[in-house]
């Protein structure tokens, strides 16, 4: 077989190209961030908001308005119940859609184009109705790794845990988790989240861009 120097050089160029792309992907596109205690706790709290609301997986730019509304209503129900008014029958409570819009903007950087009833929450006179017993399973999110993607965007690898028989004190729960093999805290699923750092009136925060279940390796 006659050796063809031309094709050999082309092959070398192709190999070097793909090798370079691989290195670029592993370093420039996924530069791991060393998290200090403050950042770790901030991210764990941020991501726990989504796991406790059991938000559905979504790819970037594919978050449905219904899911965004569902999350925002539930988040206020758990963390800002003072914004609700209770029905005289005491079966349920109402929250004005303006508060739901504020949460959408805060956590996702955008608002639903139209506010209407969802599969979970009925809209009555511009207020969402939530049954008082409508409290989900307690979960927490732990940020395992964080990667800098550039342009203020980050990729986080998360572990989601179910919590049973334990007080709803995040700091105490995470202290229990550090002990390992806790009978109260069990791994539920692994997630990957894409977030972006935004600055509003001098205050920095993250918004969620994508949230997906990790594929088993």
Protein backbone atom coordinates (compact mmCIF):
# COMPACT_ATOMS: atom_id res chain seq x y z
CA UNK A 1 0.00 0.00 0.00
CA UNK A 2 1.45 3.34 -1.07
CA UNK A 3 1.89 5.87 1.73
CA UNK A 4 0.04 9.11 1.01
CA UNK A 5 1.68 11.99 2.84
CA UNK A 6 -1.16 14.39 1.98
CA UNK A 7 -3.86 12.29 3.66
CA UNK A 8 -1.61 11.63 6.63
CA UNK A 9 -1.20 15.37 7.24
CA UNK A 10 -4.97 15.88 6.98
CA UNK A 11 -5.52 13.13 9.56
CA UNK A 12 -3.04 14.75 11.96
CA UNK A 13 -4.81 18.13 11.61
CA UNK A 14 -8.21 16.53 12.33
CA UNK A 15 -6.88 14.74 15.42
CA UNK A 16 -5.29 17.93 16.76
CA UNK A 17 -8.49 19.88 16.08
CA UNK A 18 -10.74 17.53 18.02
CA UNK A 19 -8.21 17.18 20.80
CA UNK A 20 -8.10 20.96 21.08
CA UNK A 21 -11.91 21.16 21.14
CA UNK A 22 -12.01 18.58 23.91
CA UNK A 23 -9.54 20.54 26.03
CA UNK A 24 -11.46 23.75 25.35
CA UNK A 25 -14.68 22.11 26.46
CA UNK A 26 -13.19 20.76 29.66
CA UNK A 27 -11.39 23.92 30.71
CA UNK A 28 -12.93 27.05 29.21
CA UNK A 29 -16.53 25.88 29.12
CA UNK A 30 -16.44 23.99 32.44
CA UNK A 31 -14.11 25.74 34.86
CA UNK A 32 -14.87 24.47 38.35
CA UNK A 33 -15.50 27.11 41.01
CA UNK A 34 -14.19 26.65 44.54
CA UNK A 35 -17.20 27.41 46.75
CA UNK A 36 -16.64 29.03 50.13
CA UNK A 37 -19.12 28.48 52.96
CA UNK A 38 -21.14 31.60 52.17
CA UNK A 39 -21.59 30.71 48.49
CA UNK A 40 -22.32 27.07 49.30
CA UNK A 41 -25.06 27.99 51.77
CA UNK A 42 -26.52 30.59 49.42
CA UNK A 43 -26.72 28.12 46.53
CA UNK A 44 -28.07 25.31 48.69
CA UNK A 45 -30.88 27.57 49.88
CA UNK A 46 -31.57 28.84 46.36
CA UNK A 47 -31.81 25.37 44.84
CA UNK A 48 -33.83 24.02 47.77
CA UNK A 49 -36.57 26.48 46.84
CA UNK A 50 -36.98 24.61 43.55
CA UNK A 51 -36.72 21.08 44.89
CA UNK A 52 -39.27 21.70 47.66
CA UNK A 53 -41.68 23.06 45.04
CA UNK A 54 -40.98 19.96 42.93
CA UNK A 55 -40.47 22.07 39.83
CA UNK A 56 -40.46 20.04 36.62
CA UNK A 57 -37.34 19.64 34.49
CA UNK A 58 -36.89 22.18 31.71
CA UNK A 59 -34.20 23.04 29.19
CA UNK A 60 -32.98 26.58 28.65
CA UNK A 61 -35.68 28.79 27.09
CA UNK A 62 -38.25 26.00 27.51
CA UNK A 63 -39.73 26.79 30.92
CA UNK A 64 -43.52 26.82 30.58
CA UNK A 65 -45.48 29.75 31.98
CA UNK A 66 -47.69 27.33 33.91
CA UNK A 67 -44.70 25.81 35.69
CA UNK A 68 -43.31 29.27 36.44
CA UNK A 69 -46.65 30.31 37.97
CA UNK A 70 -46.95 27.06 39.95
CA UNK A 71 -43.50 27.52 41.44
CA UNK A 72 -44.09 31.17 42.35
CA UNK A 73 -47.45 30.51 44.03
CA UNK A 74 -46.03 27.60 46.05
CA UNK A 75 -42.87 29.49 47.02
CA UNK A 76 -44.95 32.32 48.48
CA UNK A 77 -47.22 29.83 50.23
CA UNK A 78 -44.22 28.29 52.02
CA UNK A 79 -42.05 31.36 52.62
CA UNK A 80 -44.30 34.44 52.47
CA UNK A 81 -47.68 33.35 53.78
CA UNK A 82 -48.36 36.89 55.05
CA UNK A 83 -49.14 37.80 51.43
CA UNK A 84 -52.17 35.46 51.51
CA UNK A 85 -55.68 36.12 52.74
CA UNK A 86 -57.60 33.18 54.21
CA UNK A 87 -61.06 32.22 53.01
CA UNK A 88 -63.77 32.54 55.66
CA UNK A 89 -64.30 28.77 55.33
CA UNK A 90 -60.60 28.38 56.24
CA UNK A 91 -60.21 25.74 53.55
CA UNK A 92 -57.85 27.76 51.44
CA UNK A 93 -56.03 31.04 50.95
CA UNK A 94 -55.68 33.59 48.15
CA UNK A 95 -52.65 35.47 46.85
CA UNK A 96 -52.78 38.37 44.40
CA UNK A 97 -51.14 37.70 41.06
CA UNK A 98 -48.88 40.76 41.49
CA UNK A 99 -46.94 38.89 44.18
CA UNK A 100 -46.67 35.87 41.89
CA UNK A 101 -45.25 38.12 39.15
CA UNK A 102 -42.64 39.49 41.56
CA UNK A 103 -41.44 35.97 42.38
CA UNK A 104 -41.33 35.00 38.71
CA UNK A 105 -39.13 37.99 37.96
CA UNK A 106 -36.93 37.36 40.98
CA UNK A 107 -36.24 33.66 40.33
CA UNK A 108 -36.44 33.44 36.53
CA UNK A 109 -35.73 36.96 35.30
CA UNK A 110 -39.06 37.14 33.47
CA UNK A 111 -42.82 37.00 33.96
CA UNK A 112 -45.62 34.98 32.44
CA UNK A 113 -47.21 36.82 29.52
CA UNK A 114 -50.67 35.99 30.86
CA UNK A 115 -51.82 34.93 34.30
CA UNK A 116 -54.59 32.36 34.33
CA UNK A 117 -55.60 29.21 36.17
CA UNK A 118 -53.14 26.31 36.07
CA UNK A 119 -53.56 22.62 36.68
CA UNK A 120 -52.65 23.24 40.34
CA UNK A 121 -54.03 26.65 41.17
CA UNK A 122 -57.30 28.32 40.20
CA UNK A 123 -57.30 32.05 39.46
CA UNK A 124 -60.25 33.86 41.08
CA UNK A 125 -60.61 37.61 40.56
CA UNK A 126 -56.89 37.97 39.85
CA UNK A 127 -55.96 35.90 42.92
CA UNK A 128 -54.58 32.36 43.04
CA UNK A 129 -56.34 29.90 45.32
CA UNK A 130 -54.25 27.49 47.40
CA UNK A 131 -55.69 24.81 49.69
CA UNK A 132 -54.24 25.10 53.18
CA UNK A 133 -53.29 21.42 53.22
CA UNK A 134 -51.35 21.87 49.99
CA UNK A 135 -47.88 21.29 51.44
CA UNK A 136 -45.52 19.02 49.59
CA UNK A 137 -42.77 16.64 50.63
CA UNK A 138 -39.82 18.24 52.39
CA UNK A 139 -36.67 18.11 50.25
CA UNK A 140 -33.32 19.88 50.26
CA UNK A 141 -30.78 20.52 47.53
CA UNK A 142 -27.03 20.28 48.01
CA UNK A 143 -24.72 21.90 45.48
CA UNK A 144 -22.03 19.29 44.77
CA UNK A 145 -20.07 21.18 42.11
CA UNK A 146 -20.23 24.55 40.39
CA UNK A 147 -18.73 25.41 37.01
CA UNK A 148 -18.13 28.86 35.53
CA UNK A 149 -19.43 29.02 31.95
CA UNK A 150 -18.51 32.67 31.41
CA UNK A 151 -20.74 35.72 30.89
CA UNK A 152 -22.11 35.39 34.41
CA UNK A 153 -23.53 31.93 33.77
CA UNK A 154 -22.84 28.81 35.84
CA UNK A 155 -23.60 25.11 35.75
CA UNK A 156 -24.36 23.38 39.05
CA UNK A 157 -24.46 19.67 39.86
CA UNK A 158 -27.01 18.97 42.59
CA UNK A 159 -28.07 16.19 44.94
CA UNK A 160 -31.72 16.29 45.98
CA UNK A 161 -32.61 14.65 49.30
CA UNK A 162 -35.88 13.62 50.92
CA UNK A 163 -36.12 14.65 54.56
CA UNK A 164 -38.34 12.82 57.05
CA UNK A 165 -38.83 13.16 60.81
CA UNK A 166 -36.72 16.30 60.98
CA UNK A 167 -37.51 19.93 61.74
CA UNK A 168 -37.71 22.33 58.78
CA UNK A 169 -34.51 24.13 59.70
CA UNK A 170 -32.17 24.13 56.72
CA UNK A 171 -29.03 24.74 58.75
CA UNK A 172 -29.86 21.86 61.09
CA UNK A 173 -30.75 19.57 58.22
CA UNK A 174 -27.47 20.23 56.44
CA UNK A 175 -25.57 19.63 59.67
CA UNK A 176 -27.33 16.27 59.91
CA UNK A 177 -26.44 15.54 56.28
CA UNK A 178 -22.73 16.12 56.96
CA UNK A 179 -22.76 13.28 59.48
CA UNK A 180 -23.45 10.79 56.67
CA UNK A 181 -25.81 7.80 56.58
CA UNK A 182 -28.63 9.73 58.23
CA UNK A 183 -31.85 7.81 58.79
CA UNK A 184 -33.73 11.10 58.26
CA UNK A 185 -32.19 12.16 54.93
CA UNK A 186 -32.11 10.00 51.80
CA UNK A 187 -30.87 10.77 48.30
CA UNK A 188 -33.78 11.22 45.90
CA UNK A 189 -32.24 12.27 42.56
CA UNK A 190 -29.33 14.09 40.95
CA UNK A 191 -29.99 17.28 39.00
CA UNK A 192 -28.06 19.70 36.80
CA UNK A 193 -28.99 23.39 36.84
CA UNK A 194 -27.88 26.34 34.75
CA UNK A 195 -28.02 29.68 36.51
CA UNK A 196 -27.08 33.28 35.77
CA UNK A 197 -25.82 35.99 38.09
CA UNK A 198 -27.76 39.24 37.76
CA UNK A 199 -27.32 42.62 39.41
CA UNK A 200 -30.35 44.67 40.39
CA UNK A 201 -29.87 48.01 42.10
CA UNK A 202 -26.45 46.93 43.32
CA UNK A 203 -27.70 43.60 44.69
CA UNK A 204 -26.49 40.36 43.10
CA UNK A 205 -28.58 37.22 42.87
CA UNK A 206 -29.01 34.16 40.66
CA UNK A 207 -31.85 33.31 38.30
CA UNK A 208 -32.61 29.80 37.06
CA UNK A 209 -32.15 29.14 33.32
CA UNK A 210 -32.41 25.33 33.11
CA UNK A 211 -33.09 22.45 35.47
CA UNK A 212 -32.69 18.82 34.42
CA UNK A 213 -32.33 15.34 35.89
CA UNK A 214 -28.81 14.00 35.45
CA UNK A 215 -28.47 11.04 33.12
CA UNK A 216 -27.13 7.89 34.73
CA UNK A 217 -23.54 7.20 33.74
